[in-house]
Amino acid sequence: MSRSPGGRRPPDPLKAAEAAFKKVTAKPVEGPLKAPAIPGVKETVPLRIDQDILEYFQEDGPGWQDRINAALRKAAGK
């Protein structure tokens, strides 16, 4: 007994099952890979810091950006 094209069963159940399996097991397409961090390379980023905090780090003169970086690294547990 064959079913009509409008029936409930797909024309080729094996292909339909393989397509369904592939759909749920395929890895999602990922965006571009993030480049690995290079040790010691600094990146310029805009950063908003409260004025009093900025003044605190600038009190000791040059090197204030390195001091902020060190404080952030310590806060991050690195």
C-alpha atoms as a PDB file:
ATOM      1  CA  MET A   1       0.000   0.000   0.000  1.00  0.00           C
ATOM      2  CA  SER A   2       1.624   3.280  -1.076  1.00  0.00           C
ATOM      3  CA  ARG A   3       0.866   6.672   0.343  1.00  0.00           C
ATOM      4  CA  SER A   4      -0.028   9.729  -1.653  1.00  0.00           C
ATOM      5  CA  PRO A   5       2.460  12.629  -1.956  1.00  0.00           C
ATOM      6  CA  GLY A   6       0.345  14.657   0.491  1.00  0.00           C
ATOM      7  CA  GLY A   7       0.455  11.879   3.114  1.00  0.00           C
ATOM      8  CA  ARG A   8       2.144  12.000   6.504  1.00  0.00           C
ATOM      9  CA  ARG A   9       5.166   9.918   5.590  1.00  0.00           C
ATOM     10  CA  PRO A  10       7.987  11.592   3.580  1.00  0.00           C
ATOM     11  CA  PRO A  11       8.791  10.081   0.157  1.00  0.00           C
ATOM     12  CA  ASP A  12      12.121   8.738   1.481  1.00  0.00           C
ATOM     13  CA  PRO A  13      11.993   8.153   5.267  1.00  0.00           C
ATOM     14  CA  LEU A  14      15.729   7.347   5.460  1.00  0.00           C
ATOM     15  CA  LYS A  15      16.753  10.659   3.868  1.00  0.00           C
ATOM     16  CA  ALA A  16      14.264  12.534   6.060  1.00  0.00           C
ATOM     17  CA  ALA A  17      15.662  10.867   9.202  1.00  0.00           C
ATOM     18  CA  GLU A  18      19.261  11.626   8.170  1.00  0.00           C
ATOM     19  CA  ALA A  19      18.362  15.267   7.479  1.00  0.00           C
ATOM     20  CA  ALA A  20      16.637  15.583  10.863  1.00  0.00           C
ATOM     21  CA  PHE A  21      19.625  13.998  12.633  1.00  0.00           C
ATOM     22  CA  LYS A  22      22.078  16.256  10.827  1.00  0.00           C
ATOM     23  CA  LYS A  23      19.998  19.313  11.732  1.00  0.00           C
ATOM     24  CA  VAL A  24      20.118  18.636  15.488  1.00  0.00           C
ATOM     25  CA  THR A  25      23.716  17.402  15.651  1.00  0.00           C
ATOM     26  CA  ALA A  26      25.443  19.904  13.363  1.00  0.00           C
ATOM     27  CA  LYS A  27      27.703  22.412  15.102  1.00  0.00           C
ATOM     28  CA  PRO A  28      26.395  25.982  14.890  1.00  0.00           C
ATOM     29  CA  VAL A  29      28.260  28.313  12.579  1.00  0.00           C
ATOM     30  CA  GLU A  30      30.574  30.451  14.674  1.00  0.00           C
ATOM     31  CA  GLY A  31      31.729  33.958  13.906  1.00  0.00           C
ATOM     32  CA  PRO A  32      35.324  34.810  13.115  1.00  0.00           C
ATOM     33  CA  LEU A  33      37.838  33.381  15.553  1.00  0.00           C
ATOM     34  CA  LYS A  34      39.266  35.767  18.124  1.00  0.00           C
ATOM     35  CA  ALA A  35      42.989  36.227  17.694  1.00  0.00           C
ATOM     36  CA  PRO A  36      44.986  34.924  20.670  1.00  0.00           C
ATOM     37  CA  ALA A  37      46.299  37.554  23.045  1.00  0.00           C
ATOM     38  CA  ILE A  38      49.956  38.412  22.618  1.00  0.00           C
ATOM     39  CA  PRO A  39      51.707  38.801  25.985  1.00  0.00           C
ATOM     40  CA  GLY A  40      52.976  42.295  26.700  1.00  0.00           C
ATOM     41  CA  VAL A  41      50.995  43.997  23.929  1.00  0.00           C
ATOM     42  CA  LYS A  42      48.823  46.859  25.110  1.00  0.00           C
ATOM     43  CA  GLU A  43      45.590  47.876  23.443  1.00  0.00           C
ATOM     44  CA  THR A  44      44.213  51.395  23.397  1.00  0.00           C
ATOM     45  CA  VAL A  45      40.605  51.495  24.607  1.00  0.00           C
ATOM     46  CA  PRO A  46      38.312  54.310  25.660  1.00  0.00           C
ATOM     47  CA  LEU A  47      37.690  53.978  29.385  1.00  0.00           C
ATOM     48  CA  ARG A  48      35.569  56.179  31.615  1.00  0.00           C
ATOM     49  CA  ILE A  49      37.009  56.549  35.123  1.00  0.00           C
ATOM     50  CA  ASP A  50      35.747  58.756  37.930  1.00  0.00           C
ATOM     51  CA  GLN A  51      37.821  61.935  38.238  1.00  0.00           C
ATOM     52  CA  ASP A  52      38.905  61.228  41.823  1.00  0.00           C
ATOM     53  CA  ILE A  53      40.202  57.775  40.867  1.00  0.00           C
ATOM     54  CA  LEU A  54      42.130  59.194  37.915  1.00  0.00           C
ATOM     55  CA  GLU A  55      43.666  61.883  40.127  1.00  0.00           C
ATOM     56  CA  TYR A  56      44.679  59.221  42.675  1.00  0.00           C
ATOM     57  CA  PHE A  57      46.642  57.261  40.070  1.00  0.00           C
ATOM     58  CA  GLN A  58      48.145  60.417  38.532  1.00  0.00           C
ATOM     59  CA  GLU A  59      49.388  61.775  41.891  1.00  0.00           C
ATOM     60  CA  ASP A  60      52.678  59.864  41.618  1.00  0.00           C
ATOM     61  CA  GLY A  61      53.377  61.207  38.118  1.00  0.00           C
ATOM     62  CA  PRO A  62      54.309  59.262  34.999  1.00  0.00           C
ATOM     63  CA  GLY A  63      53.391  55.600  34.946  1.00  0.00           C
ATOM     64  CA  TRP A  64      49.827  56.176  36.108  1.00  0.00           C
ATOM     65  CA  GLN A  65      48.420  54.055  33.250  1.00  0.00           C
ATOM     66  CA  ASP A  66      50.660  51.155  34.266  1.00  0.00           C
ATOM     67  CA  ARG A  67      49.463  51.543  37.871  1.00  0.00           C
ATOM     68  CA  ILE A  68      45.822  51.422  36.741  1.00  0.00           C
ATOM     69  CA  ASN A  69      46.617  48.342  34.641  1.00  0.00           C
ATOM     70  CA  ALA A  70      48.271  46.663  37.645  1.00  0.00           C
ATOM     71  CA  ALA A  71      45.266  47.459  39.860  1.00  0.00           C
ATOM     72  CA  LEU A  72      42.857  46.044  37.256  1.00  0.00           C
ATOM     73  CA  ARG A  73      45.017  42.938  36.826  1.00  0.00           C
ATOM     74  CA  LYS A  74      44.997  42.386  40.613  1.00  0.00           C
ATOM     75  CA  ALA A  75      41.208  42.900  40.745  1.00  0.00           C
ATOM     76  CA  ALA A  76      40.814  40.343  37.950  1.00  0.00           C
ATOM     77  CA  GLY A  77      42.885  37.839  39.947  1.00  0.00           C
ATOM     78  CA  LYS A  78      45.715  37.631  37.429  1.00  0.00           C
END
